[in-house]
């Protein structure tokens, strides 16, 4: 892929996805040196990834709840998906 093919735009889109941005420290530390991943960096990335995922799920839930309040649907059933 080249610059004419839009590689820069594609990379910008990827960075905005959950998981990529949080893993940048690991990618940066391991590029070119095939080094083992520092355990502290790994734990930090995992923590950031969990937080970002939780925040995204919370935003989705808020959006869905608000969306259904405005529609004709009067009952929303909450499903507990924790621990699955």
N, C-alpha and C. Protein backbone atom coordinates (compact mmCIF):
# COMPACT_ATOMS: atom_id res chain seq x y z
N UNK A 1 0.86 -1.17 0.00
CA UNK A 1 0.00 0.00 0.00
C UNK A 1 0.90 1.23 0.00
N UNK A 2 0.50 2.27 -0.71
CA UNK A 2 1.31 3.49 -0.81
C UNK A 2 0.50 4.69 -0.33
N UNK A 3 1.19 5.83 -0.33
CA UNK A 3 0.52 7.06 0.09
C UNK A 3 -0.64 7.39 -0.84
N UNK A 4 -0.46 7.09 -2.15
CA UNK A 4 -1.55 7.36 -3.09
C UNK A 4 -2.76 6.47 -2.81
N UNK A 5 -2.51 5.30 -2.25
CA UNK A 5 -3.60 4.37 -1.94
C UNK A 5 -4.30 4.72 -0.64
N UNK A 6 -3.81 5.73 0.06
CA UNK A 6 -4.48 6.18 1.28
C UNK A 6 -4.00 5.52 2.56
N UNK A 7 -2.74 5.10 2.59
CA UNK A 7 -2.25 4.41 3.78
C UNK A 7 -2.29 5.31 5.02
N UNK A 8 -2.04 6.60 4.85
CA UNK A 8 -2.06 7.51 6.00
C UNK A 8 -3.47 7.61 6.56
N UNK A 9 -4.45 7.76 5.69
CA UNK A 9 -5.84 7.84 6.15
C UNK A 9 -6.27 6.54 6.83
N UNK A 10 -5.83 5.42 6.26
CA UNK A 10 -6.18 4.13 6.86
C UNK A 10 -5.56 3.98 8.25
N UNK A 11 -4.32 4.42 8.40
CA UNK A 11 -3.67 4.35 9.72
C UNK A 11 -4.36 5.25 10.73
N UNK A 12 -4.80 6.43 10.29
CA UNK A 12 -5.52 7.33 11.20
C UNK A 12 -6.82 6.68 11.68
N UNK A 13 -7.50 5.99 10.79
CA UNK A 13 -8.74 5.32 11.17
C UNK A 13 -8.46 4.17 12.14
N UNK A 14 -7.40 3.43 11.91
CA UNK A 14 -7.05 2.32 12.80
C UNK A 14 -6.74 2.80 14.20
N UNK A 15 -6.03 3.93 14.30
CA UNK A 15 -5.64 4.44 15.61
C UNK A 15 -6.86 4.80 16.44
N UNK A 16 -7.96 5.16 15.79
CA UNK A 16 -9.16 5.52 16.52
C UNK A 16 -9.97 4.32 17.00
N UNK A 17 -9.62 3.13 16.56
CA UNK A 17 -10.32 1.93 17.00
C UNK A 17 -9.85 1.54 18.40
N UNK A 18 -10.74 0.94 19.15
CA UNK A 18 -10.37 0.46 20.48
C UNK A 18 -9.33 -0.65 20.32
N UNK A 19 -8.26 -0.52 21.04
CA UNK A 19 -7.24 -1.55 21.04
C UNK A 19 -5.95 -1.13 20.37
N UNK A 20 -6.03 -0.40 19.30
CA UNK A 20 -4.81 0.00 18.61
C UNK A 20 -4.08 1.10 19.36
N UNK A 21 -4.79 2.13 19.71
CA UNK A 21 -4.19 3.27 20.41
C UNK A 21 -3.55 2.82 21.73
N UNK A 22 -4.23 1.91 22.41
CA UNK A 22 -3.74 1.45 23.70
C UNK A 22 -2.50 0.58 23.58
N UNK A 23 -2.27 -0.01 22.41
CA UNK A 23 -1.11 -0.89 22.21
C UNK A 23 0.09 -0.18 21.60
N UNK A 24 -0.02 1.09 21.31
CA UNK A 24 1.09 1.83 20.70
C UNK A 24 2.38 1.72 21.51
N UNK A 25 2.35 1.83 22.85
CA UNK A 25 3.61 1.70 23.60
C UNK A 25 4.31 0.36 23.36
N UNK A 26 3.56 -0.72 23.26
CA UNK A 26 4.16 -2.03 23.01
C UNK A 26 4.74 -2.07 21.60
N UNK A 27 4.00 -1.57 20.64
CA UNK A 27 4.48 -1.56 19.26
C UNK A 27 5.75 -0.72 19.15
N UNK A 28 5.74 0.46 19.76
CA UNK A 28 6.89 1.35 19.71
C UNK A 28 8.12 0.71 20.34
N UNK A 29 7.94 0.03 21.46
CA UNK A 29 9.07 -0.56 22.18
C UNK A 29 9.65 -1.78 21.48
N UNK A 30 8.87 -2.47 20.66
CA UNK A 30 9.34 -3.71 20.06
C UNK A 30 9.71 -3.60 18.58
N UNK A 31 9.42 -2.48 17.95
CA UNK A 31 9.73 -2.33 16.52
C UNK A 31 11.24 -2.32 16.32
N UNK A 32 11.69 -3.18 15.43
CA UNK A 32 13.08 -3.18 15.02
C UNK A 32 14.05 -3.88 15.96
N UNK A 33 13.66 -4.19 17.17
CA UNK A 33 14.63 -4.82 18.06
C UNK A 33 14.20 -6.19 18.56
N UNK A 34 13.03 -6.64 18.16
CA UNK A 34 12.52 -7.96 18.55
C UNK A 34 12.69 -8.24 20.04
N UNK A 35 12.61 -7.19 20.83
CA UNK A 35 12.77 -7.34 22.27
C UNK A 35 11.51 -7.91 22.89
N UNK A 36 11.70 -8.52 24.03
CA UNK A 36 10.54 -8.99 24.78
C UNK A 36 9.77 -7.78 25.29
N UNK A 37 8.49 -7.95 25.44
CA UNK A 37 7.65 -6.86 25.92
C UNK A 37 7.88 -6.67 27.41
N UNK A 38 8.14 -5.44 27.79
CA UNK A 38 8.31 -5.09 29.19
C UNK A 38 7.00 -5.38 29.93
N UNK A 39 7.08 -6.10 31.03
CA UNK A 39 5.87 -6.50 31.77
C UNK A 39 5.08 -5.30 32.26
N UNK A 40 5.78 -4.25 32.70
CA UNK A 40 5.10 -3.05 33.20
C UNK A 40 4.34 -2.37 32.07
N UNK A 41 4.96 -2.28 30.90
CA UNK A 41 4.30 -1.68 29.73
C UNK A 41 3.09 -2.51 29.32
N UNK A 42 3.25 -3.83 29.35
CA UNK A 42 2.15 -4.73 29.00
C UNK A 42 0.97 -4.53 29.94
N UNK A 43 1.23 -4.49 31.24
CA UNK A 43 0.16 -4.31 32.22
C UNK A 43 -0.54 -2.96 32.03
N UNK A 44 0.24 -1.91 31.75
CA UNK A 44 -0.33 -0.58 31.53
C UNK A 44 -1.24 -0.59 30.30
N UNK A 45 -0.79 -1.23 29.23
CA UNK A 45 -1.59 -1.31 28.01
C UNK A 45 -2.88 -2.09 28.25
N UNK A 46 -2.79 -3.18 28.98
CA UNK A 46 -3.98 -3.97 29.29
C UNK A 46 -4.98 -3.14 30.08
N UNK A 47 -4.47 -2.41 31.07
CA UNK A 47 -5.34 -1.56 31.89
C UNK A 47 -6.02 -0.49 31.04
N UNK A 48 -5.25 0.16 30.16
CA UNK A 48 -5.83 1.19 29.29
C UNK A 48 -6.86 0.60 28.34
N UNK A 49 -6.58 -0.60 27.84
CA UNK A 49 -7.51 -1.27 26.93
C UNK A 49 -8.82 -1.61 27.64
N UNK A 50 -8.72 -2.11 28.87
CA UNK A 50 -9.93 -2.43 29.63
C UNK A 50 -10.75 -1.18 29.92
N UNK A 51 -10.09 -0.09 30.26
CA UNK A 51 -10.79 1.17 30.54
C UNK A 51 -11.48 1.68 29.28
N UNK A 52 -10.76 1.67 28.16
CA UNK A 52 -11.33 2.17 26.90
C UNK A 52 -12.52 1.32 26.47
N UNK A 53 -12.42 0.01 26.65
CA UNK A 53 -13.53 -0.87 26.29
C UNK A 53 -14.74 -0.61 27.17
N UNK A 54 -14.52 -0.44 28.47
CA UNK A 54 -15.62 -0.16 29.40
C UNK A 54 -16.28 1.17 29.06
N UNK A 55 -15.47 2.19 28.77
CA UNK A 55 -16.02 3.51 28.44
C UNK A 55 -16.85 3.44 27.16
N UNK A 56 -16.37 2.69 26.17
CA UNK A 56 -17.10 2.55 24.92
C UNK A 56 -18.44 1.84 25.15
N UNK A 57 -18.41 0.78 25.95
CA UNK A 57 -19.65 0.05 26.25
C UNK A 57 -20.64 0.95 26.99
N UNK A 58 -20.14 1.77 27.88
CA UNK A 58 -21.01 2.69 28.63
C UNK A 58 -21.64 3.72 27.68
N UNK A 59 -20.84 4.24 26.74
CA UNK A 59 -21.38 5.19 25.76
C UNK A 59 -22.44 4.52 24.89
N UNK A 60 -22.19 3.28 24.49
CA UNK A 60 -23.18 2.55 23.69
C UNK A 60 -24.48 2.37 24.47
N UNK A 61 -24.35 1.98 25.71
CA UNK A 61 -25.54 1.75 26.53
C UNK A 61 -26.34 3.04 26.69
N UNK A 62 -25.65 4.15 26.94
CA UNK A 62 -26.33 5.44 27.07
C UNK A 62 -27.03 5.80 25.77
N UNK A 63 -26.34 5.63 24.65
CA UNK A 63 -26.92 5.97 23.36
C UNK A 63 -28.16 5.12 23.09
N UNK A 64 -28.05 3.81 23.32
CA UNK A 64 -29.18 2.91 23.07
C UNK A 64 -30.36 3.25 23.97
N UNK A 65 -30.08 3.49 25.25
CA UNK A 65 -31.16 3.83 26.19
C UNK A 65 -31.87 5.11 25.75
N UNK A 66 -31.10 6.13 25.41
CA UNK A 66 -31.70 7.40 24.98
C UNK A 66 -32.45 7.24 23.66
N UNK A 67 -31.93 6.44 22.78
CA UNK A 67 -32.56 6.22 21.48
C UNK A 67 -33.92 5.54 21.64
N UNK A 68 -33.99 4.53 22.49
CA UNK A 68 -35.24 3.81 22.68
C UNK A 68 -36.25 4.61 23.48
N UNK A 69 -35.80 5.50 24.32
CA UNK A 69 -36.74 6.35 25.06
C UNK A 69 -37.53 7.23 24.11
N UNK A 70 -36.92 7.59 23.00
CA UNK A 70 -37.56 8.49 22.05
C UNK A 70 -38.38 7.73 21.00
N UNK A 71 -38.27 6.42 20.98
CA UNK A 71 -38.98 5.65 19.95
C UNK A 71 -40.30 5.11 20.49
N UNK A 72 -40.94 4.30 19.69
CA UNK A 72 -42.22 3.72 20.06
C UNK A 72 -42.06 2.55 21.03
N UNK A 73 -40.86 2.04 21.15
CA UNK A 73 -40.63 0.90 22.05
C UNK A 73 -40.68 1.40 23.48
N UNK A 74 -41.52 0.77 24.28
CA UNK A 74 -41.70 1.24 25.65
C UNK A 74 -40.93 0.41 26.67
N UNK A 75 -40.44 -0.76 26.28
CA UNK A 75 -39.76 -1.61 27.24
C UNK A 75 -38.40 -2.04 26.70
N UNK A 76 -37.38 -1.81 27.48
CA UNK A 76 -36.04 -2.24 27.12
C UNK A 76 -35.59 -3.25 28.16
N UNK A 77 -35.13 -4.38 27.70
CA UNK A 77 -34.68 -5.42 28.61
C UNK A 77 -33.16 -5.37 28.67
N UNK A 78 -32.64 -5.20 29.88
CA UNK A 78 -31.19 -5.19 30.07
C UNK A 78 -30.70 -6.62 30.23
N UNK A 79 -29.64 -6.94 29.53
CA UNK A 79 -29.05 -8.27 29.60
C UNK A 79 -27.66 -8.13 30.21
N UNK A 80 -27.42 -8.86 31.27
CA UNK A 80 -26.12 -8.82 31.94
C UNK A 80 -25.15 -9.71 31.17
N UNK A 81 -24.15 -9.10 30.54
CA UNK A 81 -23.17 -9.86 29.77
C UNK A 81 -21.82 -9.91 30.46
N UNK A 82 -21.76 -9.49 31.71
CA UNK A 82 -20.50 -9.56 32.44
C UNK A 82 -20.17 -11.01 32.74
N UNK A 83 -18.91 -11.31 32.71
CA UNK A 83 -18.47 -12.65 33.03
C UNK A 83 -18.64 -13.66 31.92
N UNK A 84 -18.93 -13.18 30.71
CA UNK A 84 -19.06 -14.12 29.59
C UNK A 84 -17.85 -14.06 28.72
